[in-house]
N, C-alpha and C. Protein backbone atom coordinates (compact mmCIF):
# COMPACT_ATOMS: atom_id res chain seq x y z
N UNK A 1 -5.16 -17.59 -64.09
CA UNK A 1 -5.86 -16.36 -64.50
C UNK A 1 -4.85 -15.36 -65.04
N UNK A 2 -5.05 -14.91 -66.29
CA UNK A 2 -4.11 -13.94 -66.84
C UNK A 2 -4.53 -12.52 -66.44
N UNK A 3 -3.67 -11.56 -66.76
CA UNK A 3 -3.89 -10.19 -66.27
C UNK A 3 -5.09 -9.51 -66.90
N UNK A 4 -5.62 -10.08 -67.99
CA UNK A 4 -6.77 -9.47 -68.64
C UNK A 4 -8.06 -10.28 -68.42
N UNK A 5 -8.04 -11.22 -67.47
CA UNK A 5 -9.21 -12.05 -67.23
C UNK A 5 -10.36 -11.26 -66.62
N UNK A 6 -10.04 -10.14 -66.00
CA UNK A 6 -11.07 -9.28 -65.42
C UNK A 6 -11.23 -8.05 -66.32
N UNK A 7 -12.25 -7.99 -67.16
CA UNK A 7 -12.42 -6.87 -68.10
C UNK A 7 -12.48 -5.52 -67.40
N UNK A 8 -13.09 -5.48 -66.22
CA UNK A 8 -13.21 -4.21 -65.51
C UNK A 8 -11.84 -3.67 -65.12
N UNK A 9 -10.92 -4.59 -64.76
CA UNK A 9 -9.57 -4.17 -64.40
C UNK A 9 -8.88 -3.52 -65.60
N UNK A 10 -9.12 -4.08 -66.79
CA UNK A 10 -8.51 -3.53 -68.00
C UNK A 10 -9.07 -2.14 -68.27
N UNK A 11 -10.37 -1.96 -68.10
CA UNK A 11 -11.01 -0.67 -68.34
C UNK A 11 -10.42 0.37 -67.41
N UNK A 12 -10.20 0.01 -66.16
CA UNK A 12 -9.62 0.95 -65.20
C UNK A 12 -8.23 1.38 -65.67
N UNK A 13 -7.45 0.43 -66.15
CA UNK A 13 -6.11 0.77 -66.63
C UNK A 13 -6.20 1.73 -67.80
N UNK A 14 -7.13 1.49 -68.72
CA UNK A 14 -7.26 2.36 -69.88
C UNK A 14 -7.71 3.75 -69.47
N UNK A 15 -8.62 3.81 -68.50
CA UNK A 15 -9.08 5.12 -68.02
C UNK A 15 -7.92 5.89 -67.39
N UNK A 16 -7.08 5.18 -66.64
CA UNK A 16 -5.94 5.83 -66.00
C UNK A 16 -4.99 6.38 -67.06
N UNK A 17 -4.81 5.62 -68.13
CA UNK A 17 -3.94 6.06 -69.22
C UNK A 17 -4.50 7.32 -69.87
N UNK A 18 -5.79 7.32 -70.12
CA UNK A 18 -6.43 8.50 -70.73
C UNK A 18 -6.35 9.70 -69.81
N UNK A 19 -6.47 9.44 -68.53
CA UNK A 19 -6.40 10.54 -67.55
C UNK A 19 -5.02 11.19 -67.59
N UNK A 20 -3.96 10.37 -67.70
CA UNK A 20 -2.60 10.90 -67.75
C UNK A 20 -2.38 11.71 -69.03
N UNK A 21 -2.94 11.24 -70.14
CA UNK A 21 -2.81 11.99 -71.38
C UNK A 21 -3.57 13.31 -71.29
N UNK A 22 -4.68 13.31 -70.58
CA UNK A 22 -5.45 14.54 -70.39
C UNK A 22 -4.65 15.55 -69.58
N UNK A 23 -3.96 15.06 -68.56
CA UNK A 23 -3.11 15.94 -67.76
C UNK A 23 -2.04 16.59 -68.63
N UNK A 24 -1.46 15.81 -69.54
CA UNK A 24 -0.45 16.32 -70.45
C UNK A 24 -1.05 17.39 -71.36
N UNK A 25 -2.20 17.08 -71.95
CA UNK A 25 -2.81 17.98 -72.92
C UNK A 25 -3.24 19.30 -72.28
N UNK A 26 -3.59 19.26 -71.02
CA UNK A 26 -4.11 20.45 -70.36
C UNK A 26 -3.04 21.26 -69.62
N UNK A 27 -1.81 20.80 -69.64
CA UNK A 27 -0.74 21.53 -68.97
C UNK A 27 -0.10 22.49 -69.97
N UNK A 28 -0.06 23.79 -69.67
CA UNK A 28 0.50 24.76 -70.63
C UNK A 28 1.98 24.59 -70.91
N UNK A 29 2.67 23.76 -70.11
CA UNK A 29 4.09 23.50 -70.35
C UNK A 29 4.30 22.35 -71.33
N UNK A 30 3.21 21.65 -71.70
CA UNK A 30 3.32 20.44 -72.52
C UNK A 30 2.87 20.69 -73.96
N UNK A 31 3.57 20.04 -74.89
CA UNK A 31 3.29 20.25 -76.30
C UNK A 31 3.40 18.94 -77.08
N UNK A 32 2.47 18.74 -78.00
CA UNK A 32 2.63 17.72 -79.03
C UNK A 32 3.56 18.34 -80.08
N UNK A 33 4.28 17.52 -80.81
CA UNK A 33 5.26 18.05 -81.76
C UNK A 33 4.62 18.97 -82.79
N UNK A 34 3.40 18.62 -83.24
CA UNK A 34 2.77 19.43 -84.29
C UNK A 34 2.38 20.83 -83.81
N UNK A 35 2.30 21.05 -82.52
CA UNK A 35 1.98 22.39 -82.02
C UNK A 35 3.22 23.10 -81.48
N UNK A 36 4.36 22.50 -81.69
CA UNK A 36 5.62 23.06 -81.21
C UNK A 36 6.39 23.65 -82.37
N UNK A 37 7.06 24.76 -82.16
CA UNK A 37 7.90 25.36 -83.20
C UNK A 37 9.36 25.31 -82.74
N UNK A 38 10.24 24.76 -83.58
CA UNK A 38 11.65 24.65 -83.22
C UNK A 38 12.18 25.99 -82.75
N UNK A 39 12.93 25.98 -81.66
CA UNK A 39 13.41 27.23 -81.08
C UNK A 39 14.78 27.02 -80.45
N UNK A 40 15.41 28.10 -80.04
CA UNK A 40 16.69 28.03 -79.35
C UNK A 40 16.49 27.39 -77.99
N UNK A 41 17.33 26.42 -77.67
CA UNK A 41 17.22 25.68 -76.42
C UNK A 41 18.59 25.64 -75.74
N UNK A 42 18.62 25.97 -74.46
CA UNK A 42 19.89 25.90 -73.73
C UNK A 42 20.23 24.47 -73.32
N UNK A 43 19.23 23.79 -72.78
CA UNK A 43 19.44 22.43 -72.27
C UNK A 43 18.32 21.53 -72.79
N UNK A 44 18.72 20.45 -73.46
CA UNK A 44 17.77 19.50 -74.04
C UNK A 44 18.03 18.12 -73.46
N UNK A 45 16.98 17.51 -72.89
CA UNK A 45 17.09 16.13 -72.41
C UNK A 45 16.29 15.23 -73.35
N UNK A 46 16.96 14.25 -73.92
CA UNK A 46 16.36 13.34 -74.89
C UNK A 46 15.97 12.04 -74.19
N UNK A 47 14.75 11.56 -74.45
CA UNK A 47 14.27 10.37 -73.76
C UNK A 47 14.16 10.63 -72.28
N UNK A 48 13.50 11.75 -71.95
CA UNK A 48 13.52 12.26 -70.58
C UNK A 48 12.68 11.47 -69.59
N UNK A 49 11.76 10.63 -70.08
CA UNK A 49 10.93 9.89 -69.15
C UNK A 49 10.09 10.82 -68.30
N UNK A 50 10.17 10.66 -66.98
CA UNK A 50 9.40 11.53 -66.08
C UNK A 50 9.98 12.93 -65.97
N UNK A 51 11.16 13.15 -66.53
CA UNK A 51 11.78 14.48 -66.64
C UNK A 51 12.18 15.11 -65.31
N UNK A 52 12.24 14.33 -64.24
CA UNK A 52 12.58 14.90 -62.94
C UNK A 52 14.00 15.47 -62.94
N UNK A 53 14.87 14.89 -63.75
CA UNK A 53 16.24 15.40 -63.88
C UNK A 53 16.22 16.82 -64.44
N UNK A 54 15.50 17.03 -65.54
CA UNK A 54 15.44 18.35 -66.16
C UNK A 54 14.73 19.36 -65.27
N UNK A 55 13.69 18.91 -64.57
CA UNK A 55 12.96 19.83 -63.69
C UNK A 55 13.88 20.36 -62.59
N UNK A 56 14.69 19.48 -62.02
CA UNK A 56 15.61 19.92 -60.97
C UNK A 56 16.64 20.89 -61.54
N UNK A 57 17.18 20.59 -62.72
CA UNK A 57 18.13 21.51 -63.34
C UNK A 57 17.47 22.87 -63.63
N UNK A 58 16.25 22.83 -64.14
CA UNK A 58 15.54 24.07 -64.46
C UNK A 58 15.31 24.92 -63.21
N UNK A 59 15.08 24.27 -62.08
CA UNK A 59 14.88 25.01 -60.84
C UNK A 59 16.18 25.66 -60.37
N UNK A 60 17.32 25.06 -60.71
CA UNK A 60 18.62 25.60 -60.32
C UNK A 60 19.07 26.73 -61.23
N UNK A 61 18.61 26.70 -62.48
CA UNK A 61 19.07 27.69 -63.46
C UNK A 61 17.86 28.35 -64.15
N UNK A 62 17.19 29.25 -63.44
CA UNK A 62 15.97 29.87 -63.98
C UNK A 62 16.20 30.76 -65.21
N UNK A 63 17.47 31.12 -65.47
CA UNK A 63 17.77 31.97 -66.62
C UNK A 63 18.00 31.17 -67.90
N UNK A 64 17.97 29.84 -67.81
CA UNK A 64 18.20 29.00 -68.98
C UNK A 64 16.89 28.38 -69.46
N UNK A 65 16.85 28.05 -70.75
CA UNK A 65 15.65 27.46 -71.35
C UNK A 65 15.85 25.95 -71.52
N UNK A 66 14.95 25.18 -70.92
CA UNK A 66 15.04 23.73 -70.91
C UNK A 66 13.90 23.13 -71.72
N UNK A 67 14.22 22.01 -72.40
CA UNK A 67 13.20 21.22 -73.08
C UNK A 67 13.46 19.76 -72.78
N UNK A 68 12.42 19.06 -72.36
CA UNK A 68 12.50 17.61 -72.12
C UNK A 68 11.61 16.93 -73.15
N UNK A 69 12.16 15.95 -73.87
CA UNK A 69 11.33 15.25 -74.86
C UNK A 69 11.30 13.76 -74.53
N UNK A 70 10.16 13.18 -74.84
CA UNK A 70 9.97 11.73 -74.71
C UNK A 70 8.80 11.37 -75.61
N UNK A 71 8.72 10.12 -75.99
CA UNK A 71 7.63 9.69 -76.86
C UNK A 71 6.36 9.41 -76.07
N UNK A 72 6.49 9.27 -74.74
CA UNK A 72 5.35 8.90 -73.90
C UNK A 72 4.87 10.09 -73.08
N UNK A 73 3.69 10.58 -73.41
CA UNK A 73 3.13 11.75 -72.73
C UNK A 73 2.82 11.46 -71.28
N UNK A 74 2.40 10.23 -70.96
CA UNK A 74 2.03 9.93 -69.58
C UNK A 74 3.24 10.00 -68.66
N UNK A 75 4.44 9.82 -69.19
CA UNK A 75 5.65 9.99 -68.39
C UNK A 75 5.98 11.47 -68.23
N UNK A 76 5.96 12.18 -69.33
CA UNK A 76 6.31 13.60 -69.30
C UNK A 76 5.41 14.40 -68.38
N UNK A 77 4.14 14.02 -68.28
CA UNK A 77 3.22 14.81 -67.48
C UNK A 77 3.59 14.81 -66.01
N UNK A 78 4.34 13.80 -65.55
CA UNK A 78 4.77 13.77 -64.16
C UNK A 78 5.74 14.91 -63.88
N UNK A 79 6.71 15.10 -64.76
CA UNK A 79 7.65 16.20 -64.61
C UNK A 79 6.97 17.54 -64.81
N UNK A 80 6.04 17.60 -65.77
CA UNK A 80 5.33 18.84 -66.05
C UNK A 80 4.50 19.27 -64.84
N UNK A 81 3.88 18.31 -64.20
CA UNK A 81 3.08 18.64 -63.01
C UNK A 81 3.96 19.19 -61.90
N UNK A 82 5.13 18.56 -61.71
CA UNK A 82 6.05 19.03 -60.68
C UNK A 82 6.56 20.43 -61.00
N UNK A 83 6.89 20.66 -62.28
CA UNK A 83 7.36 21.98 -62.70
C UNK A 83 6.29 23.04 -62.45
N UNK A 84 5.05 22.72 -62.73
CA UNK A 84 3.95 23.65 -62.51
C UNK A 84 3.78 23.95 -61.03
N UNK A 85 3.89 22.90 -60.20
CA UNK A 85 3.74 23.07 -58.76
C UNK A 85 4.81 24.01 -58.20
N UNK A 86 6.00 24.00 -58.84
CA UNK A 86 7.09 24.86 -58.37
C UNK A 86 7.13 26.21 -59.10
N UNK A 87 6.14 26.43 -59.96
CA UNK A 87 6.05 27.70 -60.66
C UNK A 87 7.12 27.92 -61.70
N UNK A 88 7.68 26.86 -62.25
CA UNK A 88 8.73 27.00 -63.26
C UNK A 88 8.13 27.38 -64.61
N UNK A 89 8.75 28.34 -65.27
CA UNK A 89 8.29 28.76 -66.60
C UNK A 89 9.39 28.63 -67.64
N UNK A 90 10.54 28.11 -67.24
CA UNK A 90 11.68 28.01 -68.15
C UNK A 90 11.90 26.60 -68.68
N UNK A 91 10.87 25.75 -68.59
CA UNK A 91 10.99 24.39 -69.08
C UNK A 91 9.73 24.01 -69.84
N UNK A 92 9.91 23.29 -70.95
CA UNK A 92 8.80 22.79 -71.76
C UNK A 92 8.97 21.29 -71.95
N UNK A 93 7.85 20.61 -72.18
CA UNK A 93 7.83 19.16 -72.33
C UNK A 93 7.19 18.85 -73.67
N UNK A 94 7.94 18.19 -74.55
CA UNK A 94 7.48 17.95 -75.91
C UNK A 94 7.42 16.45 -76.18
N UNK A 95 6.26 15.99 -76.63
CA UNK A 95 6.15 14.58 -76.98
C UNK A 95 6.65 14.41 -78.41
N UNK A 96 7.79 13.73 -78.54
CA UNK A 96 8.41 13.56 -79.85
C UNK A 96 9.33 12.35 -79.82
N UNK A 97 9.64 11.84 -80.98
CA UNK A 97 10.59 10.74 -81.11
C UNK A 97 12.00 11.29 -81.25
N UNK A 98 12.96 10.45 -81.00
CA UNK A 98 14.36 10.87 -81.10
C UNK A 98 14.74 11.27 -82.53
N UNK A 99 14.08 10.68 -83.52
CA UNK A 99 14.42 11.02 -84.90
C UNK A 99 13.74 12.33 -85.35
N UNK A 100 13.06 13.00 -84.41
CA UNK A 100 12.41 14.27 -84.71
C UNK A 100 13.08 15.45 -84.01
N UNK A 101 14.27 15.22 -83.50
CA UNK A 101 14.96 16.24 -82.71
C UNK A 101 15.16 17.54 -83.46
N UNK A 102 15.40 17.47 -84.75
CA UNK A 102 15.66 18.68 -85.51
C UNK A 102 14.41 19.55 -85.68
N UNK A 103 13.25 19.01 -85.28
CA UNK A 103 12.03 19.80 -85.27
C UNK A 103 11.77 20.40 -83.89
N UNK A 104 12.63 20.07 -82.94
CA UNK A 104 12.46 20.55 -81.57
C UNK A 104 13.34 21.75 -81.27
N UNK A 105 14.61 21.68 -81.69
CA UNK A 105 15.56 22.75 -81.37
C UNK A 105 16.20 23.30 -82.64
N UNK A 106 16.46 24.59 -82.64
CA UNK A 106 17.15 25.22 -83.75
C UNK A 106 18.59 24.71 -83.81
N UNK A 107 19.08 24.54 -85.01
CA UNK A 107 20.45 24.03 -85.19
C UNK A 107 21.47 24.90 -84.47
N UNK A 108 22.40 24.22 -83.85
CA UNK A 108 23.54 24.84 -83.17
C UNK A 108 23.13 25.82 -82.06
N UNK A 109 22.01 25.52 -81.42
CA UNK A 109 21.56 26.38 -80.31
C UNK A 109 21.73 25.71 -78.95
N UNK A 110 21.86 24.40 -78.93
CA UNK A 110 21.84 23.65 -77.66
C UNK A 110 23.20 23.69 -76.97
N UNK A 111 23.21 24.16 -75.74
CA UNK A 111 24.44 24.21 -74.95
C UNK A 111 24.72 22.87 -74.27
N UNK A 112 23.68 22.22 -73.80
CA UNK A 112 23.82 20.92 -73.15
C UNK A 112 22.77 19.97 -73.71
N UNK A 113 23.21 18.81 -74.20
CA UNK A 113 22.30 17.79 -74.66
C UNK A 113 22.50 16.56 -73.78
N UNK A 114 21.47 16.23 -73.00
CA UNK A 114 21.55 15.14 -72.04
C UNK A 114 20.84 13.90 -72.55
N UNK A 115 21.50 12.76 -72.38
CA UNK A 115 20.92 11.47 -72.68
C UNK A 115 21.03 10.65 -71.39
N UNK A 116 19.91 10.44 -70.73
CA UNK A 116 19.93 9.82 -69.41
C UNK A 116 19.28 8.44 -69.45
N UNK A 117 20.10 7.41 -69.38
CA UNK A 117 19.67 6.02 -69.28
C UNK A 117 18.74 5.58 -70.41
N UNK A 118 19.19 5.76 -71.67
CA UNK A 118 18.37 5.28 -72.79
C UNK A 118 18.35 3.76 -72.83
N UNK A 119 17.38 3.22 -73.54
CA UNK A 119 17.28 1.77 -73.72
C UNK A 119 18.57 1.28 -74.38
N UNK A 120 19.27 0.30 -73.80
CA UNK A 120 20.54 -0.17 -74.38
C UNK A 120 20.38 -1.04 -75.61
N UNK A 121 19.17 -1.54 -75.88
CA UNK A 121 18.95 -2.44 -77.02
C UNK A 121 20.12 -3.41 -77.16
N UNK A 122 20.25 -4.35 -76.24
CA UNK A 122 21.44 -5.22 -76.19
C UNK A 122 21.66 -6.13 -77.40
N UNK A 123 20.60 -6.48 -78.13
CA UNK A 123 20.79 -7.37 -79.27
C UNK A 123 21.50 -6.63 -80.40
N UNK A 124 22.47 -7.31 -81.01
CA UNK A 124 23.30 -6.69 -82.04
C UNK A 124 22.46 -6.16 -83.19
N UNK A 125 21.42 -6.88 -83.56
CA UNK A 125 20.60 -6.46 -84.70
C UNK A 125 19.81 -5.18 -84.40
N UNK A 126 19.77 -4.79 -83.11
CA UNK A 126 19.05 -3.58 -82.73
C UNK A 126 19.97 -2.39 -82.47
N UNK A 127 21.25 -2.52 -82.82
CA UNK A 127 22.22 -1.47 -82.50
C UNK A 127 21.86 -0.13 -83.14
N UNK A 128 21.17 -0.15 -84.27
CA UNK A 128 20.78 1.08 -84.94
C UNK A 128 19.78 1.91 -84.15
N UNK A 129 19.15 1.27 -83.16
CA UNK A 129 18.15 1.98 -82.34
C UNK A 129 18.79 2.59 -81.09
N UNK A 130 20.04 2.27 -80.84
CA UNK A 130 20.71 2.83 -79.67
C UNK A 130 20.92 4.32 -79.87
N UNK A 131 20.68 5.09 -78.81
CA UNK A 131 20.71 6.55 -78.92
C UNK A 131 22.11 7.13 -79.05
N UNK A 132 23.13 6.26 -78.99
CA UNK A 132 24.50 6.70 -79.26
C UNK A 132 25.02 6.09 -80.57
N UNK A 133 24.12 5.57 -81.37
CA UNK A 133 24.49 5.09 -82.69
C UNK A 133 24.95 6.29 -83.53
N UNK A 134 25.87 6.09 -84.47
CA UNK A 134 26.35 7.19 -85.31
C UNK A 134 25.27 8.05 -85.94
N UNK A 135 24.14 7.44 -86.28
CA UNK A 135 23.04 8.21 -86.87
C UNK A 135 22.57 9.30 -85.92
N UNK A 136 22.39 8.94 -84.64
CA UNK A 136 21.94 9.91 -83.66
C UNK A 136 23.05 10.89 -83.29
N UNK A 137 24.29 10.40 -83.22
CA UNK A 137 25.41 11.30 -82.92
C UNK A 137 25.52 12.39 -83.97
N UNK A 138 25.25 12.03 -85.21
CA UNK A 138 25.28 13.02 -86.29
C UNK A 138 24.22 14.10 -86.08
N UNK A 139 23.04 13.69 -85.62
CA UNK A 139 21.98 14.65 -85.33
C UNK A 139 22.39 15.58 -84.19
N UNK A 140 23.02 15.02 -83.18
CA UNK A 140 23.45 15.85 -82.04
C UNK A 140 24.43 16.94 -82.47
N UNK A 141 25.32 16.60 -83.40
CA UNK A 141 26.28 17.60 -83.86
C UNK A 141 25.58 18.77 -84.56
N UNK A 142 24.45 18.49 -85.18
CA UNK A 142 23.70 19.56 -85.85
C UNK A 142 23.01 20.47 -84.85
N UNK A 143 22.67 19.94 -83.69
CA UNK A 143 21.93 20.71 -82.69
C UNK A 143 22.84 21.47 -81.74
N UNK A 144 24.00 20.91 -81.45
CA UNK A 144 24.87 21.50 -80.44
C UNK A 144 25.51 22.81 -80.89
N UNK A 145 25.53 23.75 -79.97
CA UNK A 145 26.24 25.02 -80.17
C UNK A 145 27.73 24.72 -80.31
N UNK A 146 28.50 25.62 -80.90
CA UNK A 146 29.93 25.40 -81.08
C UNK A 146 30.63 25.14 -79.75
N UNK A 147 30.09 25.71 -78.68
CA UNK A 147 30.66 25.49 -77.35
C UNK A 147 29.82 24.50 -76.53
N UNK A 148 28.87 23.82 -77.19
CA UNK A 148 27.97 22.91 -76.48
C UNK A 148 28.61 21.56 -76.21
N UNK A 149 27.92 20.77 -75.37
CA UNK A 149 28.45 19.46 -74.99
C UNK A 149 27.33 18.44 -74.88
N UNK A 150 27.72 17.20 -75.09
CA UNK A 150 26.83 16.04 -74.98
C UNK A 150 27.15 15.33 -73.67
N UNK A 151 26.09 14.96 -72.93
CA UNK A 151 26.26 14.31 -71.63
C UNK A 151 25.49 12.99 -71.63
N UNK A 152 26.15 11.93 -71.21
CA UNK A 152 25.52 10.61 -71.15
C UNK A 152 25.67 10.01 -69.77
N UNK A 153 24.54 9.54 -69.23
CA UNK A 153 24.55 8.78 -67.97
C UNK A 153 23.94 7.41 -68.24
N UNK A 154 24.58 6.36 -67.73
CA UNK A 154 24.02 5.01 -67.94
C UNK A 154 24.53 4.04 -66.88
N UNK A 155 23.76 2.97 -66.70
CA UNK A 155 24.10 1.95 -65.70
C UNK A 155 24.58 0.65 -66.31
N UNK A 156 24.48 0.53 -67.63
CA UNK A 156 24.87 -0.71 -68.31
C UNK A 156 26.30 -0.58 -68.83
N UNK A 157 27.26 -1.30 -68.24
CA UNK A 157 28.66 -1.17 -68.65
C UNK A 157 28.90 -1.49 -70.12
N UNK A 158 28.19 -2.48 -70.63
CA UNK A 158 28.38 -2.87 -72.03
C UNK A 158 27.92 -1.77 -72.97
N UNK A 159 26.74 -1.23 -72.71
CA UNK A 159 26.23 -0.13 -73.54
C UNK A 159 27.13 1.09 -73.41
N UNK A 160 27.56 1.39 -72.21
CA UNK A 160 28.39 2.57 -72.00
C UNK A 160 29.71 2.45 -72.74
N UNK A 161 30.35 1.28 -72.67
CA UNK A 161 31.61 1.07 -73.37
C UNK A 161 31.41 1.18 -74.88
N UNK A 162 30.33 0.62 -75.38
CA UNK A 162 30.03 0.71 -76.82
C UNK A 162 29.84 2.17 -77.22
N UNK A 163 29.16 2.93 -76.37
CA UNK A 163 28.92 4.35 -76.65
C UNK A 163 30.22 5.14 -76.71
N UNK A 164 31.13 4.85 -75.79
CA UNK A 164 32.43 5.52 -75.81
C UNK A 164 33.17 5.20 -77.11
N UNK A 165 33.06 3.97 -77.56
CA UNK A 165 33.72 3.59 -78.81
C UNK A 165 33.17 4.39 -79.98
N UNK A 166 31.85 4.59 -80.00
CA UNK A 166 31.23 5.35 -81.10
C UNK A 166 31.69 6.80 -81.07
N UNK A 167 31.77 7.38 -79.88
CA UNK A 167 32.21 8.77 -79.76
C UNK A 167 33.66 8.95 -80.23
N UNK A 168 34.53 8.09 -79.75
CA UNK A 168 35.96 8.19 -80.10
C UNK A 168 36.17 7.95 -81.59
N UNK A 169 35.46 6.97 -82.15
CA UNK A 169 35.62 6.63 -83.56
C UNK A 169 35.21 7.76 -84.47
N UNK A 170 34.35 8.65 -83.96
CA UNK A 170 33.86 9.77 -84.78
C UNK A 170 34.43 11.10 -84.32
N UNK A 171 35.57 11.03 -83.66
CA UNK A 171 36.37 12.22 -83.30
C UNK A 171 35.71 13.16 -82.31
N UNK A 172 34.82 12.63 -81.47
CA UNK A 172 34.32 13.44 -80.38
C UNK A 172 35.40 13.53 -79.31
N UNK A 173 35.47 14.65 -78.62
CA UNK A 173 36.46 14.85 -77.56
C UNK A 173 35.81 14.56 -76.21
N UNK A 174 36.43 13.69 -75.43
CA UNK A 174 35.91 13.35 -74.11
C UNK A 174 36.53 14.29 -73.08
N UNK A 175 35.70 15.01 -72.35
CA UNK A 175 36.19 16.00 -71.40
C UNK A 175 36.14 15.50 -69.95
N UNK A 176 35.10 14.79 -69.62
CA UNK A 176 34.95 14.26 -68.26
C UNK A 176 34.41 12.85 -68.35
N UNK A 177 34.95 11.96 -67.53
CA UNK A 177 34.57 10.55 -67.61
C UNK A 177 34.62 9.92 -66.22
N UNK A 178 33.58 9.16 -65.88
CA UNK A 178 33.58 8.45 -64.61
C UNK A 178 32.79 7.15 -64.77
N UNK A 179 33.32 6.10 -64.16
CA UNK A 179 32.63 4.82 -64.16
C UNK A 179 31.87 4.61 -62.85
N UNK A 180 31.91 5.61 -62.00
CA UNK A 180 31.13 5.61 -60.75
C UNK A 180 30.87 7.07 -60.39
N UNK A 181 29.91 7.66 -61.06
CA UNK A 181 29.66 9.09 -60.95
C UNK A 181 29.45 9.56 -59.52
N UNK A 182 28.66 8.81 -58.76
CA UNK A 182 28.30 9.27 -57.42
C UNK A 182 29.41 9.08 -56.40
N UNK A 183 30.50 8.48 -56.83
CA UNK A 183 31.68 8.37 -55.97
C UNK A 183 32.82 9.20 -56.55
N UNK A 184 32.48 10.17 -57.39
CA UNK A 184 33.49 11.02 -58.03
C UNK A 184 33.39 12.44 -57.49
N UNK A 185 34.34 13.28 -57.89
CA UNK A 185 34.30 14.68 -57.49
C UNK A 185 33.80 15.58 -58.63
N UNK A 186 33.08 14.99 -59.57
CA UNK A 186 32.52 15.77 -60.68
C UNK A 186 31.38 16.66 -60.18
N UNK A 187 30.94 17.56 -61.03
CA UNK A 187 29.95 18.58 -60.67
C UNK A 187 28.68 17.95 -60.09
N UNK A 188 28.12 18.60 -59.09
CA UNK A 188 26.93 18.08 -58.42
C UNK A 188 25.72 18.04 -59.35
N UNK A 189 25.68 18.91 -60.36
CA UNK A 189 24.56 18.86 -61.31
C UNK A 189 24.48 17.50 -61.98
N UNK A 190 25.63 16.91 -62.28
CA UNK A 190 25.64 15.62 -62.96
C UNK A 190 25.01 14.54 -62.09
N UNK A 191 25.02 14.74 -60.80
CA UNK A 191 24.58 13.71 -59.85
C UNK A 191 23.10 13.79 -59.50
N UNK A 192 22.40 14.74 -60.11
CA UNK A 192 20.95 14.76 -59.94
C UNK A 192 20.40 13.43 -60.45
N UNK A 193 19.59 12.79 -59.67
CA UNK A 193 19.13 11.44 -60.01
C UNK A 193 17.81 11.47 -60.79
N UNK A 194 17.73 10.63 -61.81
CA UNK A 194 16.47 10.41 -62.48
C UNK A 194 15.65 9.47 -61.60
N UNK A 195 14.35 9.36 -61.88
CA UNK A 195 13.51 8.46 -61.08
C UNK A 195 13.98 7.01 -61.26
N UNK A 196 14.43 6.68 -62.46
CA UNK A 196 14.96 5.34 -62.73
C UNK A 196 16.23 5.09 -61.92
N UNK A 197 17.10 6.09 -61.93
CA UNK A 197 18.39 5.97 -61.25
C UNK A 197 18.23 5.77 -59.76
N UNK A 198 17.27 6.46 -59.15
CA UNK A 198 17.06 6.35 -57.71
C UNK A 198 16.73 4.93 -57.31
N UNK A 199 16.00 4.21 -58.17
CA UNK A 199 15.54 2.87 -57.82
C UNK A 199 16.69 1.88 -57.71
N UNK A 200 17.60 1.92 -58.70
CA UNK A 200 18.60 0.86 -58.71
C UNK A 200 19.92 1.20 -58.05
N UNK A 201 20.15 2.46 -57.72
CA UNK A 201 21.38 2.79 -56.99
C UNK A 201 21.41 2.09 -55.63
N UNK A 202 20.23 1.90 -55.06
CA UNK A 202 20.14 1.22 -53.77
C UNK A 202 20.57 -0.24 -53.88
N UNK A 203 20.56 -0.78 -55.09
CA UNK A 203 20.97 -2.17 -55.31
C UNK A 203 22.47 -2.30 -55.56
N UNK A 204 23.20 -1.19 -55.43
CA UNK A 204 24.65 -1.23 -55.60
C UNK A 204 25.13 -1.05 -57.02
N UNK A 205 24.23 -0.76 -57.95
CA UNK A 205 24.64 -0.50 -59.32
C UNK A 205 25.23 0.90 -59.42
N UNK A 206 26.07 1.12 -60.43
CA UNK A 206 26.80 2.38 -60.54
C UNK A 206 26.39 3.16 -61.78
N UNK A 207 26.46 4.46 -61.65
CA UNK A 207 26.18 5.34 -62.78
C UNK A 207 27.48 5.69 -63.49
N UNK A 208 27.53 5.41 -64.78
CA UNK A 208 28.67 5.79 -65.59
C UNK A 208 28.33 7.09 -66.33
N UNK A 209 29.33 7.92 -66.54
CA UNK A 209 29.07 9.26 -67.05
C UNK A 209 30.19 9.71 -68.00
N UNK A 210 29.78 10.42 -69.04
CA UNK A 210 30.76 11.05 -69.92
C UNK A 210 30.23 12.38 -70.42
N UNK A 211 31.11 13.36 -70.50
CA UNK A 211 30.82 14.64 -71.15
C UNK A 211 31.71 14.72 -72.38
N UNK A 212 31.12 15.01 -73.55
CA UNK A 212 31.90 15.03 -74.78
C UNK A 212 31.45 16.20 -75.65
N UNK A 213 32.32 16.60 -76.56
CA UNK A 213 31.96 17.66 -77.52
C UNK A 213 32.52 17.27 -78.88
N UNK A 214 31.98 17.92 -79.91
CA UNK A 214 32.39 17.57 -81.28
C UNK A 214 33.10 18.75 -81.93
């Protein structure tokens, strides 16, 4: 019996999906790209998923403006709901693709641009889709403030090493680096765990981290 052999089970799944999108649409902190106007952003998380990382940062720094973007609204609504429950008004959630970043933030306004555990796209032919590919790095330079920085967290050593190579090859300056973030003395903000990160740290996998600027 395959997973779609029970039509009613499929309908329930679809209803749940629609319900999550409704939660996103009805939350005043959530925006579709077409209803969003590019603005100055202090902290931008790209591919934020459930956005729990950004929500925790926003709760620590109420004077800063945060934006979490992801292409999947049903993921973003989880962070948006938590932010609403905590009364946060300094964070927004925008459903957008990574190639639409310049429609999200005003150029050279971003102080911190976070990339937390993006898809590594391990196949060589898919390298152009990696979020640390030169195409995306070029976009980040347009968004970052002159004193801004790019932050990457990842669990895949191969992807992380490849990303470091791209940064160095394009003259980015590496300021902080760790191959085991949670066993380092780096800033505690960096160690805020994403929902994805919480799951596999228990399996002994390590978080690799780099802070860089252009």
